[in-house]
Amino acid sequence: MMSKSILVAVVISIVSVSRIFAQPHHSSSEITHDFSITIAPIKLISPIVEGTFEKRMTNKIGLEGIAGVGSYDGFFAFTIGGSWRYYLIGSFEHALQTGVELYYAHLGSSNVQGSNVSAAGRGLMIAPFIGYKYIADYGLTLDLAIGAGPEFVSATATDNNSNSATVSGSTLGLLLNLNLGWSF
């Protein structure tokens, strides 16, 4: 008798909790969010604070701006970019997405590791990507993307005697976005 009471209590608890956290079903034509604001938590390790702002243009298309600032290995860093997104399966709210991202990063220092050398590095990448975006009804947003594309890089170093050296090149760059945020 005691085990039946426990079983009934567990079932009632599960049903009650599932009703509390259940989210209403929205039809694909219903629009509930128009903007997403996210950050890239992994980049905080560098520490670079990088955020995105995405605007729904249609139910299947979004435009995103990217900006960040911080430091990397003692160098001042900033990033800027943008992406065009097409929601292949689903919509702005919950989708398998594809698109293209343009991304610029700059590093610079006027006193590299206590020396009399200033240095700057720049990189520009354009990469197609595929990813997944999920927005909970209450706004929590998860945005994941992976891609690869050409990356053009250059670096310059100059000492106090105005001697300088510059290198540049290109390579295949990897795009990996793991963003968390909120949608409105």
Protein backbone atom coordinates (compact mmCIF):
# COMPACT_ATOMS: atom_id res chain seq x y z
CA MET A 1 0.00 0.00 0.00
CA MET A 2 2.86 2.36 0.86
CA SER A 3 4.57 1.76 -2.52
CA LYS A 4 1.31 2.58 -4.39
CA SER A 5 1.03 5.85 -2.45
CA ILE A 6 4.61 6.76 -3.32
CA LEU A 7 4.03 5.90 -6.98
CA VAL A 8 0.88 8.04 -7.11
CA ALA A 9 2.71 10.93 -5.40
CA VAL A 10 5.61 10.71 -7.91
CA VAL A 11 3.23 10.65 -10.92
CA ILE A 12 1.26 13.63 -9.58
CA SER A 13 4.52 15.52 -8.94
CA ILE A 14 5.82 14.85 -12.45
CA VAL A 15 2.55 15.91 -14.07
CA SER A 16 2.40 19.07 -11.92
CA VAL A 17 6.02 20.06 -12.67
CA SER A 18 5.61 19.37 -16.40
CA ARG A 19 2.53 21.64 -16.47
CA ILE A 20 4.41 24.41 -14.67
CA PHE A 21 7.31 24.34 -17.15
CA ALA A 22 5.27 23.51 -20.25
CA GLN A 23 5.50 26.13 -22.97
CA PRO A 24 2.55 26.92 -25.20
CA HIS A 25 2.78 25.73 -28.79
CA HIS A 26 3.12 28.52 -31.34
CA SER A 27 2.25 28.07 -34.98
CA SER A 28 5.08 28.72 -37.43
CA SER A 29 3.31 31.87 -38.65
CA GLU A 30 3.17 33.42 -35.15
CA ILE A 31 6.00 35.88 -34.48
CA THR A 32 7.00 36.29 -30.85
CA HIS A 33 10.58 37.68 -30.99
CA ASP A 34 12.14 40.24 -33.32
CA PHE A 35 15.61 40.77 -31.80
CA SER A 36 18.30 38.55 -30.27
CA ILE A 37 21.17 39.83 -28.13
CA THR A 38 23.86 37.27 -27.26
CA ILE A 39 27.40 37.04 -25.90
CA ALA A 40 30.19 34.57 -26.62
CA PRO A 41 30.94 33.11 -23.15
CA ILE A 42 34.03 31.14 -24.27
CA LYS A 43 35.78 34.33 -25.44
CA LEU A 44 35.56 35.70 -21.89
CA ILE A 45 38.54 33.43 -21.08
CA SER A 46 40.81 35.65 -23.27
CA PRO A 47 39.24 38.02 -21.86
CA ILE A 48 37.33 39.46 -24.81
CA VAL A 49 33.74 40.58 -24.32
CA GLU A 50 31.99 39.96 -27.64
CA GLY A 51 28.30 40.41 -28.28
CA THR A 52 25.87 40.12 -31.15
CA PHE A 53 22.65 41.84 -32.06
CA GLU A 54 20.39 40.10 -34.56
CA LYS A 55 17.29 41.58 -36.19
CA ARG A 56 14.58 39.45 -37.77
CA MET A 57 14.11 40.76 -41.31
CA THR A 58 11.51 38.11 -42.25
CA ASN A 59 10.53 34.83 -40.63
CA LYS A 60 13.33 33.15 -42.67
CA ILE A 61 16.04 35.86 -42.78
CA GLY A 62 18.05 37.63 -40.07
CA LEU A 63 20.87 40.19 -40.06
CA GLU A 64 23.41 40.18 -37.23
CA GLY A 65 26.01 42.69 -36.05
CA ILE A 66 29.05 41.59 -34.01
CA ALA A 67 31.31 43.72 -31.77
CA GLY A 68 33.86 42.93 -29.10
CA VAL A 69 36.66 44.44 -27.05
CA GLY A 70 39.23 43.12 -24.59
CA SER A 71 42.76 41.78 -24.49
CA TYR A 72 44.57 38.75 -25.80
CA ASP A 73 48.02 37.70 -24.56
CA GLY A 74 48.73 41.28 -23.40
CA PHE A 75 47.50 42.92 -26.60
CA PHE A 76 44.50 45.25 -26.82
CA ALA A 77 41.89 43.57 -29.05
CA PHE A 78 38.69 44.53 -30.79
CA THR A 79 36.42 42.68 -33.19
CA ILE A 80 33.66 43.77 -35.52
CA GLY A 81 31.59 41.95 -38.08
CA GLY A 82 28.23 40.86 -39.31
CA SER A 83 26.31 37.96 -40.75
CA TRP A 84 23.40 37.26 -43.01
CA ARG A 85 21.31 34.26 -41.88
CA TYR A 86 18.78 32.11 -43.65
CA TYR A 87 16.66 29.78 -41.55
CA LEU A 88 16.72 26.66 -43.72
CA ILE A 89 14.43 24.52 -41.57
CA GLY A 90 12.29 26.44 -39.09
CA SER A 91 12.22 30.19 -38.46
CA PHE A 92 13.91 32.94 -36.45
CA GLU A 93 12.54 31.27 -33.30
CA HIS A 94 13.94 27.76 -33.73
CA ALA A 95 15.90 26.70 -36.79
CA LEU A 96 18.63 24.98 -38.67
CA GLN A 97 20.39 28.04 -40.07
CA THR A 98 22.90 28.75 -42.79
CA GLY A 99 24.52 31.99 -43.84
CA VAL A 100 27.73 33.92 -44.29
CA GLU A 101 29.76 35.88 -41.72
CA LEU A 102 32.26 38.69 -42.29
CA TYR A 103 34.58 39.10 -39.28
CA TYR A 104 37.46 41.53 -38.58
CA ALA A 105 39.82 41.29 -35.60
CA HIS A 106 42.58 43.71 -34.57
CA LEU A 107 45.31 43.28 -31.93
CA GLY A 108 47.73 46.01 -30.94
CA SER A 109 50.28 47.03 -28.34
CA SER A 110 52.62 50.02 -28.01
CA ASN A 111 54.96 48.26 -25.60
CA VAL A 112 55.23 44.54 -26.35
CA GLN A 113 56.20 42.68 -23.16
CA GLY A 114 58.11 45.65 -21.71
CA SER A 115 60.23 46.24 -24.83
CA ASN A 116 60.41 49.31 -27.06
CA VAL A 117 58.52 47.57 -29.83
CA SER A 118 54.99 48.31 -30.94
CA ALA A 119 53.03 45.70 -32.82
CA ALA A 120 49.68 45.28 -34.52
CA GLY A 121 47.92 42.36 -36.12
CA ARG A 122 44.80 42.28 -38.25
CA GLY A 123 42.64 39.54 -39.65
CA LEU A 124 39.63 39.50 -41.95
CA MET A 125 37.57 36.37 -42.59
CA ILE A 126 34.52 35.64 -44.68
CA ALA A 127 32.98 32.27 -43.99
CA PRO A 128 29.82 30.41 -44.88
CA PHE A 129 28.35 28.57 -41.90
CA ILE A 130 25.69 26.16 -40.76
CA GLY A 131 24.23 26.14 -37.29
CA TYR A 132 21.29 25.87 -34.97
CA LYS A 133 19.33 28.56 -33.15
CA TYR A 134 16.83 28.03 -30.37
CA ILE A 135 14.76 30.68 -28.61
CA ALA A 136 12.65 29.57 -25.65
CA ASP A 137 9.22 31.20 -25.47
CA TYR A 138 10.37 33.28 -22.49
CA GLY A 139 13.43 34.58 -24.45
CA LEU A 140 16.50 32.51 -23.49
CA THR A 141 18.52 32.11 -26.69
CA LEU A 142 21.15 29.57 -27.77
CA ASP A 143 22.92 30.21 -31.08
CA LEU A 144 25.51 27.75 -32.43
CA ALA A 145 27.35 27.91 -35.77
CA ILE A 146 30.37 26.34 -37.46
CA GLY A 147 32.00 27.20 -40.76
CA ALA A 148 35.25 27.81 -42.57
CA GLY A 149 36.49 30.33 -45.10
CA PRO A 150 39.45 32.36 -46.28
CA GLU A 151 41.18 34.43 -43.63
CA PHE A 152 43.51 37.27 -44.61
CA VAL A 153 46.02 38.26 -41.91
CA SER A 154 48.84 40.77 -41.49
CA ALA A 155 51.14 41.86 -38.67
CA THR A 156 53.52 44.78 -38.28
CA ALA A 157 56.20 45.45 -35.64
CA THR A 158 58.14 48.72 -35.21
CA ASP A 159 60.95 49.57 -32.78
CA ASN A 160 62.08 52.97 -31.39
CA ASN A 161 64.56 53.36 -34.26
CA SER A 162 61.71 53.18 -36.80
CA ASN A 163 62.81 49.75 -37.99
CA SER A 164 59.77 47.78 -38.98
CA ALA A 165 58.76 44.43 -40.35
CA THR A 166 55.48 43.36 -41.87
CA VAL A 167 54.19 39.92 -42.72
CA SER A 168 50.93 38.99 -44.37
CA GLY A 169 49.25 35.94 -45.73
CA SER A 170 46.08 34.00 -46.00
CA THR A 171 44.85 30.73 -44.63
CA LEU A 172 41.69 28.74 -44.10
CA GLY A 173 40.01 30.11 -40.99
CA LEU A 174 37.61 28.24 -38.72
CA LEU A 175 34.40 29.90 -37.58
CA LEU A 176 32.98 28.60 -34.31
CA ASN A 177 30.18 30.54 -32.59
CA LEU A 178 28.73 29.40 -29.27
CA ASN A 179 26.49 32.25 -28.15
CA LEU A 180 24.03 32.57 -25.29
CA GLY A 181 21.63 35.43 -24.69
CA TRP A 182 18.10 36.76 -24.77
CA SER A 183 15.51 37.53 -27.44
CA PHE A 184 12.76 40.15 -27.38
